[in-house]
Amino acid sequence: MLRIHDRPLPTSIAAKLREYQNAVDEFPTFAGRVEEAKRKFSATNKSTNPVFKVVRQTLDEMCRGARRCMYCEDSVADEIEHFKPKDFYPSQAFAWGNYLYACGPCNVGKNNKFPLISERSGLIIYLRRRPGEEPFEPDPGDAVLPDPRKDDPLEYLQLDLIDTFYFQPLDPNSLSIRHLRACETIETLCLNSRDYLCRARAEAFHSYSARLDQYIQWRKAGVAQETLERLRDSLRRMGHPTVWAEMKRQRHRLPQLRRLFEEAPEALEW
């Protein structure tokens, strides 16, 4: 997971989302706002709706790679995911800043599971609405999961590039908030329990290394600059960009990466 570079919506589209949200906010009860948020989002989030066509196009442009999921970076992003779930935050149902583009497995895995640090108690509350349960308004508090549109997940997570290609907490102190946020992110999004994700990260690591080495060899051989730039651009479009970010961050720990980046220091800016 990486920080997502935000993009604004066209003024007319943003105004239409506010119109949808105002219709939700008019309901006098919290339960009524929740049910209307779910109904209205389902009714408007259609490929035939020009508003959500633009919303999806803009989210697509914000994705890293070729429309890859903003959480796992592996599968095609095809679902608009509410970072703050509609079941608990109906006031955010049509908030542009609350939208992420996700794949089905990540969206289903997160669903309405939303750990929160309560302002009142300082304890973690695991928000979850079970089937048939009456909607309830959550305590005020801060999200435990990092929001890729506002936070840099790599301030909490690191990737094992040596063996497992699992995500791990960056902070080893198991009592720290940063450690907790990392653990909850890994568990909620099933980032390590889906074996295919770990295999894909390992393959990406070897592909990134091979392309960077190829770039170095071609440059030494005097290959045309235009060809080198095409190779560089193809590397920047590869999947699992978190692997590339971690290769740069961890280059001093791994001899093979140290050599590659010492020979091509410009790659640190890619």
Protein backbone atom coordinates (compact mmCIF):
# COMPACT_ATOMS: atom_id res chain seq x y z
CA MET A 1 0.00 0.00 0.00
CA LEU A 2 1.19 3.46 -0.90
CA ARG A 3 -0.05 7.00 -0.41
CA ILE A 4 -2.49 7.87 -3.21
CA HIS A 5 -1.98 11.14 -5.06
CA ASP A 6 -5.31 12.96 -4.88
CA ARG A 7 -7.12 14.53 -7.83
CA PRO A 8 -10.04 16.96 -7.75
CA LEU A 9 -13.35 16.23 -9.39
CA PRO A 10 -14.84 18.61 -11.97
CA THR A 11 -16.91 21.27 -10.22
CA SER A 12 -20.20 20.02 -11.67
CA ILE A 13 -19.55 16.44 -10.51
CA ALA A 14 -18.55 17.56 -7.02
CA ALA A 15 -21.76 19.62 -6.82
CA LYS A 16 -23.84 16.61 -7.81
CA LEU A 17 -22.25 14.49 -5.08
CA ARG A 18 -23.10 17.20 -2.55
CA GLU A 19 -26.67 17.14 -3.81
CA TYR A 20 -26.83 13.38 -3.24
CA GLN A 21 -25.34 13.82 0.22
CA ASN A 22 -27.79 16.58 1.17
CA ALA A 23 -30.67 14.21 0.42
CA VAL A 24 -29.19 11.73 2.89
CA ASP A 25 -28.48 14.32 5.57
CA GLU A 26 -32.10 15.52 5.55
CA PHE A 27 -33.32 12.36 7.30
CA PRO A 28 -33.99 13.15 10.97
CA THR A 29 -32.70 9.90 12.51
CA PHE A 30 -29.33 8.20 12.29
CA ALA A 31 -30.93 4.90 11.26
CA GLY A 32 -32.84 6.70 8.51
CA ARG A 33 -29.66 8.35 7.22
CA VAL A 34 -27.87 5.00 7.14
CA GLU A 35 -30.61 3.29 5.17
CA GLU A 36 -30.96 6.22 2.76
CA ALA A 37 -27.20 6.38 2.24
CA LYS A 38 -27.12 2.72 1.29
CA ARG A 39 -30.20 2.98 -0.92
CA LYS A 40 -29.10 6.13 -2.71
CA PHE A 41 -25.52 4.98 -3.25
CA SER A 42 -26.75 1.72 -4.74
CA ALA A 43 -29.16 3.62 -7.00
CA THR A 44 -26.62 6.17 -8.24
CA ASN A 45 -23.44 4.11 -8.44
CA LYS A 46 -24.23 2.89 -11.96
CA SER A 47 -22.22 2.83 -15.17
CA THR A 48 -25.08 4.71 -16.83
CA ASN A 49 -24.84 7.58 -14.33
CA PRO A 50 -22.49 10.25 -15.78
CA VAL A 51 -21.58 11.40 -12.26
CA PHE A 52 -20.20 8.04 -11.19
CA LYS A 53 -18.67 7.46 -14.58
CA VAL A 54 -16.44 10.48 -13.90
CA VAL A 55 -15.87 9.39 -10.29
CA ARG A 56 -14.61 6.00 -11.49
CA GLN A 57 -12.48 7.54 -14.22
CA THR A 58 -10.84 9.86 -11.70
CA LEU A 59 -10.21 7.05 -9.23
CA ASP A 60 -8.72 5.05 -12.10
CA GLU A 61 -6.29 7.90 -12.81
CA MET A 62 -5.33 7.98 -9.13
CA CYS A 63 -4.49 4.26 -9.04
CA ARG A 64 -0.84 3.27 -9.05
CA GLY A 65 -0.30 1.02 -12.03
CA ALA A 66 -2.95 -0.07 -14.49
CA ARG A 67 -6.12 0.35 -12.40
CA ARG A 68 -4.77 -1.75 -9.59
CA CYS A 69 -6.54 -2.00 -6.23
CA MET A 70 -5.48 0.80 -3.87
CA TYR A 71 -5.13 -1.72 -1.03
CA CYS A 72 -3.49 -4.91 -2.35
CA GLU A 73 -2.17 -3.51 -5.70
CA ASP A 74 -2.69 -6.94 -7.28
CA SER A 75 -6.24 -7.21 -8.61
CA VAL A 76 -8.16 -4.92 -10.94
CA ALA A 77 -9.94 -2.14 -9.05
CA ASP A 78 -13.63 -2.31 -9.96
CA GLU A 79 -15.50 -1.31 -6.78
CA ILE A 80 -15.83 2.08 -5.11
CA GLU A 81 -14.87 1.48 -1.51
CA HIS A 82 -15.90 3.76 1.34
CA PHE A 83 -12.94 4.13 3.69
CA LYS A 84 -15.43 5.08 6.41
CA PRO A 85 -18.32 2.61 6.01
CA LYS A 86 -21.80 3.90 5.17
CA ASP A 87 -23.26 1.83 8.02
CA PHE A 88 -21.49 4.05 10.54
CA TYR A 89 -20.78 7.25 8.62
CA PRO A 90 -23.77 8.03 6.39
CA SER A 91 -22.55 11.64 6.26
CA GLN A 92 -19.59 10.35 4.20
CA ALA A 93 -21.58 8.28 1.69
CA PHE A 94 -21.02 10.79 -1.13
CA ALA A 95 -17.84 12.46 0.17
CA TRP A 96 -15.25 12.38 -2.59
CA GLY A 97 -12.42 12.14 -0.08
CA ASN A 98 -13.94 8.98 1.39
CA TYR A 99 -13.72 7.00 -1.87
CA LEU A 100 -11.04 4.47 -2.75
CA TYR A 101 -10.89 2.13 -5.75
CA ALA A 102 -10.63 -1.48 -4.59
CA CYS A 103 -10.92 -5.03 -5.82
CA GLY A 104 -13.69 -7.33 -4.66
CA PRO A 105 -11.58 -9.42 -2.23
CA CYS A 106 -10.26 -6.33 -0.45
CA ASN A 107 -13.67 -4.64 -0.35
CA VAL A 108 -15.38 -7.76 0.96
CA GLY A 109 -12.58 -8.38 3.45
CA LYS A 110 -12.82 -4.89 4.89
CA ASN A 111 -16.60 -4.63 4.47
CA ASN A 112 -17.94 -2.89 7.59
CA LYS A 113 -15.02 -3.82 9.83
CA PHE A 114 -13.67 -0.50 11.01
CA PRO A 115 -11.47 -0.37 14.14
CA LEU A 116 -11.61 2.99 15.88
CA ILE A 117 -9.68 4.56 18.76
CA SER A 118 -12.41 6.03 20.95
CA GLU A 119 -11.94 9.63 22.08
CA ARG A 120 -13.88 8.86 25.26
CA SER A 121 -12.05 5.76 26.48
CA GLY A 122 -8.85 5.67 24.42
CA LEU A 123 -9.63 2.02 23.71
CA ILE A 124 -10.07 0.35 20.35
CA ILE A 125 -13.66 -0.16 19.29
CA TYR A 126 -14.28 -2.71 16.55
CA LEU A 127 -17.22 -1.29 14.66
CA ARG A 128 -19.26 -4.01 13.05
CA ARG A 129 -22.94 -4.13 12.22
CA ARG A 130 -24.37 -7.63 12.10
CA PRO A 131 -27.31 -8.63 9.87
CA GLY A 132 -30.57 -7.38 11.34
CA GLU A 133 -28.86 -5.18 13.91
CA GLU A 134 -30.24 -1.66 14.31
CA PRO A 135 -27.84 1.04 13.04
CA PHE A 136 -25.97 2.79 15.84
CA GLU A 137 -23.89 5.92 15.83
CA PRO A 138 -20.24 5.23 16.71
CA ASP A 139 -18.23 7.05 19.35
CA PRO A 140 -16.12 9.92 18.05
CA GLY A 141 -12.56 8.80 17.46
CA ASP A 142 -9.72 8.23 15.03
CA ALA A 143 -9.50 5.46 12.46
CA VAL A 144 -6.96 2.76 13.25
CA LEU A 145 -6.46 1.84 9.60
CA PRO A 146 -4.35 4.32 7.60
CA ASP A 147 -6.33 6.04 4.86
CA PRO A 148 -4.21 5.86 1.67
CA ARG A 149 -5.65 9.20 0.51
CA LYS A 150 -4.51 10.98 3.66
CA ASP A 151 -1.80 8.81 5.25
CA ASP A 152 1.39 7.17 4.08
CA PRO A 153 0.91 3.46 4.92
CA LEU A 154 4.69 2.94 4.77
CA GLU A 155 4.98 4.99 7.94
CA TYR A 156 3.41 1.95 9.64
CA LEU A 157 4.22 -0.99 7.37
CA GLN A 158 7.32 -2.56 5.90
CA LEU A 159 7.71 -5.42 3.45
CA ASP A 160 9.97 -8.42 4.01
CA LEU A 161 12.05 -8.50 0.81
CA ILE A 162 14.25 -11.41 1.88
CA ASP A 163 11.98 -14.36 2.49
CA THR A 164 8.22 -14.21 3.04
CA PHE A 165 7.27 -10.96 1.26
CA TYR A 166 4.84 -10.43 4.12
CA PHE A 167 3.91 -6.99 5.37
CA GLN A 168 5.19 -6.36 8.90
CA PRO A 169 4.84 -3.53 11.43
CA LEU A 170 7.59 -0.97 10.93
CA ASP A 171 7.63 -0.17 14.65
CA PRO A 172 8.81 -3.22 16.66
CA ASN A 173 7.22 -1.88 19.86
CA SER A 174 4.08 -3.99 20.15
CA LEU A 175 2.50 -1.46 22.52
CA SER A 176 2.80 1.52 20.17
CA ILE A 177 -0.09 2.94 18.15
CA ARG A 178 1.98 2.65 14.97
CA HIS A 179 2.50 -1.08 15.57
CA LEU A 180 -1.19 -1.52 16.29
CA ARG A 181 -2.24 0.33 13.14
CA ALA A 182 0.04 -1.86 11.06
CA CYS A 183 -1.26 -5.11 12.57
CA GLU A 184 -4.89 -4.10 12.13
CA THR A 185 -4.27 -3.12 8.50
CA ILE A 186 -2.57 -6.42 7.69
CA GLU A 187 -5.33 -8.46 9.36
CA THR A 188 -8.36 -6.49 8.16
CA LEU A 189 -7.24 -6.44 4.52
CA CYS A 190 -5.82 -10.00 4.59
CA LEU A 191 -2.58 -8.71 3.09
CA ASN A 192 -0.53 -11.73 4.22
CA SER A 193 -3.15 -14.48 4.40
CA ARG A 194 -3.76 -14.49 0.66
CA ASP A 195 -0.82 -16.56 -0.59
CA TYR A 196 -1.09 -15.28 -4.14
CA LEU A 197 -0.36 -11.73 -2.97
CA CYS A 198 2.92 -12.80 -1.39
CA ARG A 199 3.91 -14.74 -4.51
CA ALA A 200 3.06 -11.75 -6.69
CA ARG A 201 5.22 -9.45 -4.54
CA ALA A 202 8.14 -11.88 -4.80
CA GLU A 203 7.76 -12.00 -8.59
CA ALA A 204 7.56 -8.21 -8.72
CA PHE A 205 10.78 -7.95 -6.67
CA HIS A 206 12.67 -10.15 -9.14
CA SER A 207 11.17 -8.33 -12.14
CA TYR A 208 12.07 -4.89 -10.77
CA SER A 209 15.61 -6.09 -10.02
CA ALA A 210 16.03 -7.61 -13.48
CA ARG A 211 14.77 -4.50 -15.27
CA LEU A 212 17.00 -2.21 -13.25
CA ASP A 213 19.98 -4.44 -13.96
CA GLN A 214 19.06 -4.45 -17.65
CA TYR A 215 18.91 -0.66 -17.60
CA ILE A 216 22.41 -0.52 -16.09
CA GLN A 217 23.83 -2.98 -18.64
CA TRP A 218 22.22 -1.18 -21.59
CA ARG A 219 23.49 2.18 -20.38
CA LYS A 220 27.04 0.78 -20.10
CA ALA A 221 26.73 -0.63 -23.63
CA GLY A 222 25.80 2.80 -24.98
CA VAL A 223 22.17 2.02 -25.85
CA ALA A 224 20.25 5.08 -27.10
CA GLN A 225 18.76 7.34 -24.44
CA GLU A 226 15.31 6.96 -25.95
CA THR A 227 15.47 3.19 -25.44
CA LEU A 228 16.65 3.63 -21.85
CA GLU A 229 13.76 5.99 -21.16
CA ARG A 230 11.26 3.44 -22.51
CA LEU A 231 12.73 0.81 -20.19
CA ARG A 232 12.54 3.24 -17.27
CA ASP A 233 8.91 4.11 -18.07
CA SER A 234 7.96 0.42 -18.32
CA LEU A 235 9.48 -0.17 -14.87
CA ARG A 236 7.47 2.71 -13.43
CA ARG A 237 4.24 1.17 -14.78
CA MET A 238 4.84 -2.27 -13.28
CA GLY A 239 2.52 -3.80 -10.71
CA HIS A 240 3.02 -3.86 -6.95
CA PRO A 241 4.68 -0.44 -6.74
CA THR A 242 5.06 -0.86 -2.97
CA VAL A 243 7.73 -3.46 -3.74
CA TRP A 244 9.67 -0.85 -5.72
CA ALA A 245 9.23 1.73 -2.95
CA GLU A 246 10.54 -0.77 -0.40
CA MET A 247 13.48 -1.72 -2.62
CA LYS A 248 14.56 1.91 -2.56
CA ARG A 249 13.94 2.29 1.17
CA GLN A 250 15.73 -0.95 2.12
CA ARG A 251 18.59 -0.74 -0.38
CA HIS A 252 21.25 -0.30 2.31
CA ARG A 253 20.20 -3.56 4.01
CA LEU A 254 20.42 -5.81 0.95
CA PRO A 255 23.77 -6.06 -0.91
CA GLN A 256 22.21 -6.79 -4.31
CA LEU A 257 20.00 -3.71 -4.06
CA ARG A 258 22.82 -1.55 -2.76
CA ARG A 259 24.87 -2.42 -5.85
CA LEU A 260 22.03 -1.72 -8.27
CA PHE A 261 21.16 1.67 -6.82
CA GLU A 262 24.80 2.69 -6.46
CA GLU A 263 25.25 2.01 -10.18
CA ALA A 264 22.01 3.77 -11.08
CA PRO A 265 21.32 6.39 -8.37
CA GLU A 266 18.88 8.16 -10.71
CA ALA A 267 16.53 5.21 -10.21
CA LEU A 268 15.84 6.48 -6.68
CA GLU A 269 13.73 9.21 -8.32
CA TRP A 270 11.67 6.78 -10.39
